[in-house]
Amino acid sequence: MVITGYKAARTKPLTSAKRPVNKLIASVRAVCEHAFAHLKNWRIITKLRLSPRYATTLLRALLVLPRAEVVS
């Protein structure tokens, strides 16, 4: 399923209810875009030869790494 935002027409601006919805959709999209940007920077993933099932599990684990705190 794809969720798209609302678009204002020239003659009709967005309602006060639709503006926060667009903002919420954009915030979720930003998280996904940043995650994909991180994955593209990790060139080791281009050499990944796994079943998509295992690759998904591995990539989910890798996406946690940038958010993890380093405890020393």
N, C-alpha and C. Protein backbone atom coordinates (compact mmCIF):
# COMPACT_ATOMS: atom_id res chain seq x y z
N MET A 1 0.84 -1.16 0.00
CA MET A 1 0.00 0.00 0.00
C MET A 1 0.90 1.24 0.00
N VAL A 2 0.52 2.24 -0.77
CA VAL A 2 1.26 3.48 -0.85
C VAL A 2 0.37 4.59 -0.31
N ILE A 3 0.90 5.35 0.62
CA ILE A 3 0.15 6.46 1.19
C ILE A 3 0.75 7.75 0.64
N THR A 4 -0.06 8.53 -0.01
CA THR A 4 0.41 9.79 -0.57
C THR A 4 -0.22 10.95 0.18
N GLY A 5 0.43 12.08 0.12
CA GLY A 5 -0.08 13.27 0.79
C GLY A 5 -1.14 13.96 -0.04
N TYR A 6 -1.67 15.02 0.52
CA TYR A 6 -2.68 15.81 -0.17
C TYR A 6 -1.98 16.93 -0.93
N LYS A 7 -2.56 17.30 -2.06
CA LYS A 7 -1.99 18.37 -2.87
C LYS A 7 -2.99 19.50 -2.95
N ALA A 8 -2.50 20.70 -2.73
CA ALA A 8 -3.37 21.87 -2.79
C ALA A 8 -3.55 22.27 -4.25
N ALA A 9 -4.74 22.72 -4.57
CA ALA A 9 -5.02 23.26 -5.90
C ALA A 9 -4.71 24.75 -5.89
N ARG A 10 -4.66 25.33 -7.06
CA ARG A 10 -4.38 26.77 -7.13
C ARG A 10 -5.44 27.59 -6.42
N THR A 11 -6.66 27.15 -6.56
CA THR A 11 -7.77 27.94 -5.99
C THR A 11 -8.14 27.51 -4.58
N LYS A 12 -7.70 26.32 -4.17
CA LYS A 12 -8.07 25.80 -2.85
C LYS A 12 -6.81 25.43 -2.07
N PRO A 13 -6.48 26.17 -1.02
CA PRO A 13 -5.33 25.77 -0.19
C PRO A 13 -5.71 24.55 0.66
N LEU A 14 -4.71 23.92 1.23
CA LEU A 14 -4.97 22.76 2.09
C LEU A 14 -5.74 23.19 3.33
N THR A 15 -6.60 22.30 3.78
CA THR A 15 -7.36 22.58 5.00
C THR A 15 -6.45 22.41 6.21
N SER A 16 -6.92 22.89 7.33
CA SER A 16 -6.12 22.78 8.56
C SER A 16 -5.98 21.33 9.01
N ALA A 17 -6.85 20.45 8.55
CA ALA A 17 -6.75 19.04 8.91
C ALA A 17 -5.77 18.29 8.00
N LYS A 18 -5.63 18.73 6.76
CA LYS A 18 -4.76 18.03 5.81
C LYS A 18 -3.29 18.41 5.97
N ARG A 19 -3.01 19.60 6.45
CA ARG A 19 -1.62 20.03 6.61
C ARG A 19 -0.84 19.15 7.59
N PRO A 20 -1.38 18.83 8.78
CA PRO A 20 -0.64 17.94 9.70
C PRO A 20 -0.47 16.52 9.14
N VAL A 21 -1.44 16.08 8.34
CA VAL A 21 -1.33 14.75 7.73
C VAL A 21 -0.14 14.73 6.78
N ASN A 22 -0.01 15.77 5.95
CA ASN A 22 1.14 15.85 5.05
C ASN A 22 2.45 15.90 5.82
N LYS A 23 2.45 16.61 6.94
CA LYS A 23 3.67 16.72 7.74
C LYS A 23 4.05 15.36 8.34
N LEU A 24 3.07 14.61 8.78
CA LEU A 24 3.31 13.27 9.34
C LEU A 24 3.86 12.33 8.27
N ILE A 25 3.27 12.36 7.10
CA ILE A 25 3.73 11.51 6.00
C ILE A 25 5.17 11.88 5.64
N ALA A 26 5.48 13.17 5.59
CA ALA A 26 6.83 13.61 5.25
C ALA A 26 7.84 13.18 6.30
N SER A 27 7.46 13.19 7.57
CA SER A 27 8.39 12.78 8.62
C SER A 27 8.71 11.29 8.53
N VAL A 28 7.72 10.48 8.21
CA VAL A 28 7.95 9.04 8.05
C VAL A 28 8.81 8.80 6.82
N ARG A 29 8.53 9.52 5.75
CA ARG A 29 9.30 9.37 4.53
C ARG A 29 10.76 9.76 4.75
N ALA A 30 11.01 10.78 5.55
CA ALA A 30 12.38 11.23 5.81
C ALA A 30 13.19 10.14 6.50
N VAL A 31 12.58 9.44 7.44
CA VAL A 31 13.28 8.35 8.13
C VAL A 31 13.68 7.27 7.14
N CYS A 32 12.77 6.91 6.25
CA CYS A 32 13.06 5.88 5.25
C CYS A 32 14.15 6.35 4.28
N GLU A 33 14.07 7.59 3.85
CA GLU A 33 15.07 8.12 2.92
C GLU A 33 16.46 8.13 3.55
N HIS A 34 16.55 8.49 4.83
CA HIS A 34 17.84 8.48 5.52
C HIS A 34 18.38 7.06 5.64
N ALA A 35 17.50 6.11 5.92
CA ALA A 35 17.93 4.71 6.04
C ALA A 35 18.48 4.21 4.71
N PHE A 36 17.81 4.51 3.61
CA PHE A 36 18.30 4.09 2.30
C PHE A 36 19.60 4.78 1.95
N ALA A 37 19.76 6.03 2.34
CA ALA A 37 21.01 6.74 2.08
C ALA A 37 22.17 6.08 2.82
N HIS A 38 21.94 5.66 4.06
CA HIS A 38 22.98 4.96 4.81
C HIS A 38 23.35 3.65 4.13
N LEU A 39 22.33 2.92 3.67
CA LEU A 39 22.61 1.64 3.02
C LEU A 39 23.40 1.83 1.73
N LYS A 40 23.10 2.88 0.99
CA LYS A 40 23.83 3.12 -0.26
C LYS A 40 25.29 3.47 0.00
N ASN A 41 25.58 4.07 1.14
CA ASN A 41 26.96 4.42 1.47
C ASN A 41 27.78 3.21 1.90
N TRP A 42 27.13 2.17 2.33
CA TRP A 42 27.83 0.97 2.75
C TRP A 42 28.02 0.08 1.53
N ARG A 43 29.17 0.16 0.91
CA ARG A 43 29.41 -0.53 -0.36
C ARG A 43 29.46 -2.06 -0.20
N ILE A 44 29.65 -2.54 1.00
CA ILE A 44 29.71 -3.99 1.21
C ILE A 44 28.39 -4.64 0.83
N ILE A 45 27.31 -3.90 0.93
CA ILE A 45 25.99 -4.46 0.62
C ILE A 45 25.87 -4.79 -0.87
N THR A 46 26.64 -4.13 -1.73
CA THR A 46 26.58 -4.43 -3.16
C THR A 46 27.11 -5.83 -3.45
N LYS A 47 27.93 -6.37 -2.55
CA LYS A 47 28.48 -7.70 -2.74
C LYS A 47 27.65 -8.77 -2.02
N LEU A 48 26.53 -8.38 -1.48
CA LEU A 48 25.70 -9.29 -0.69
C LEU A 48 25.04 -10.32 -1.60
N ARG A 49 25.26 -11.58 -1.31
CA ARG A 49 24.66 -12.67 -2.09
C ARG A 49 23.90 -13.59 -1.14
N LEU A 50 22.70 -13.18 -0.78
CA LEU A 50 21.89 -13.94 0.16
C LEU A 50 20.47 -14.05 -0.37
N SER A 51 19.74 -14.93 0.25
CA SER A 51 18.30 -14.98 0.01
C SER A 51 17.69 -13.67 0.50
N PRO A 52 16.68 -13.14 -0.18
CA PRO A 52 16.06 -11.88 0.28
C PRO A 52 15.56 -11.97 1.72
N ARG A 53 15.15 -13.15 2.15
CA ARG A 53 14.67 -13.32 3.53
C ARG A 53 15.78 -13.02 4.53
N TYR A 54 16.97 -13.58 4.28
CA TYR A 54 18.09 -13.37 5.20
C TYR A 54 18.68 -11.97 5.03
N ALA A 55 18.66 -11.46 3.82
CA ALA A 55 19.18 -10.11 3.58
C ALA A 55 18.35 -9.09 4.33
N THR A 56 17.05 -9.27 4.37
CA THR A 56 16.18 -8.34 5.09
C THR A 56 16.51 -8.32 6.56
N THR A 57 16.71 -9.48 7.15
CA THR A 57 17.06 -9.56 8.56
C THR A 57 18.41 -8.89 8.82
N LEU A 58 19.36 -9.12 7.94
CA LEU A 58 20.68 -8.52 8.09
C LEU A 58 20.60 -7.00 7.96
N LEU A 59 19.86 -6.52 6.99
CA LEU A 59 19.76 -5.07 6.79
C LEU A 59 19.04 -4.39 7.94
N ARG A 60 18.05 -5.03 8.50
CA ARG A 60 17.38 -4.45 9.67
C ARG A 60 18.34 -4.32 10.83
N ALA A 61 19.17 -5.33 11.01
CA ALA A 61 20.16 -5.27 12.09
C ALA A 61 21.19 -4.17 11.81
N LEU A 62 21.59 -4.01 10.56
CA LEU A 62 22.56 -2.98 10.21
C LEU A 62 22.00 -1.58 10.41
N LEU A 63 20.72 -1.40 10.17
CA LEU A 63 20.12 -0.08 10.33
C LEU A 63 20.06 0.35 11.79
N VAL A 64 20.16 -0.58 12.70
CA VAL A 64 20.16 -0.24 14.12
C VAL A 64 21.51 0.35 14.52
N LEU A 65 22.57 -0.06 13.84
CA LEU A 65 23.91 0.36 14.22
C LEU A 65 24.12 1.87 14.26
N PRO A 66 23.67 2.65 13.28
CA PRO A 66 23.90 4.08 13.37
C PRO A 66 23.18 4.75 14.55
N ARG A 67 22.16 4.12 15.06
CA ARG A 67 21.40 4.69 16.17
C ARG A 67 21.90 4.21 17.53
N ALA A 68 22.76 3.23 17.55
CA ALA A 68 23.23 2.66 18.82
C ALA A 68 24.26 3.60 19.46
N GLU A 69 24.20 3.68 20.77
CA GLU A 69 25.17 4.49 21.50
C GLU A 69 26.42 3.65 21.76
N VAL A 70 27.54 4.31 21.70
CA VAL A 70 28.80 3.65 22.01
C VAL A 70 29.08 3.85 23.49
N VAL A 71 29.17 2.75 24.21
CA VAL A 71 29.44 2.81 25.65
C VAL A 71 30.90 2.45 25.86
N SER A 72 31.64 3.34 26.50
CA SER A 72 33.06 3.03 26.73
C SER A 72 33.38 3.06 28.21
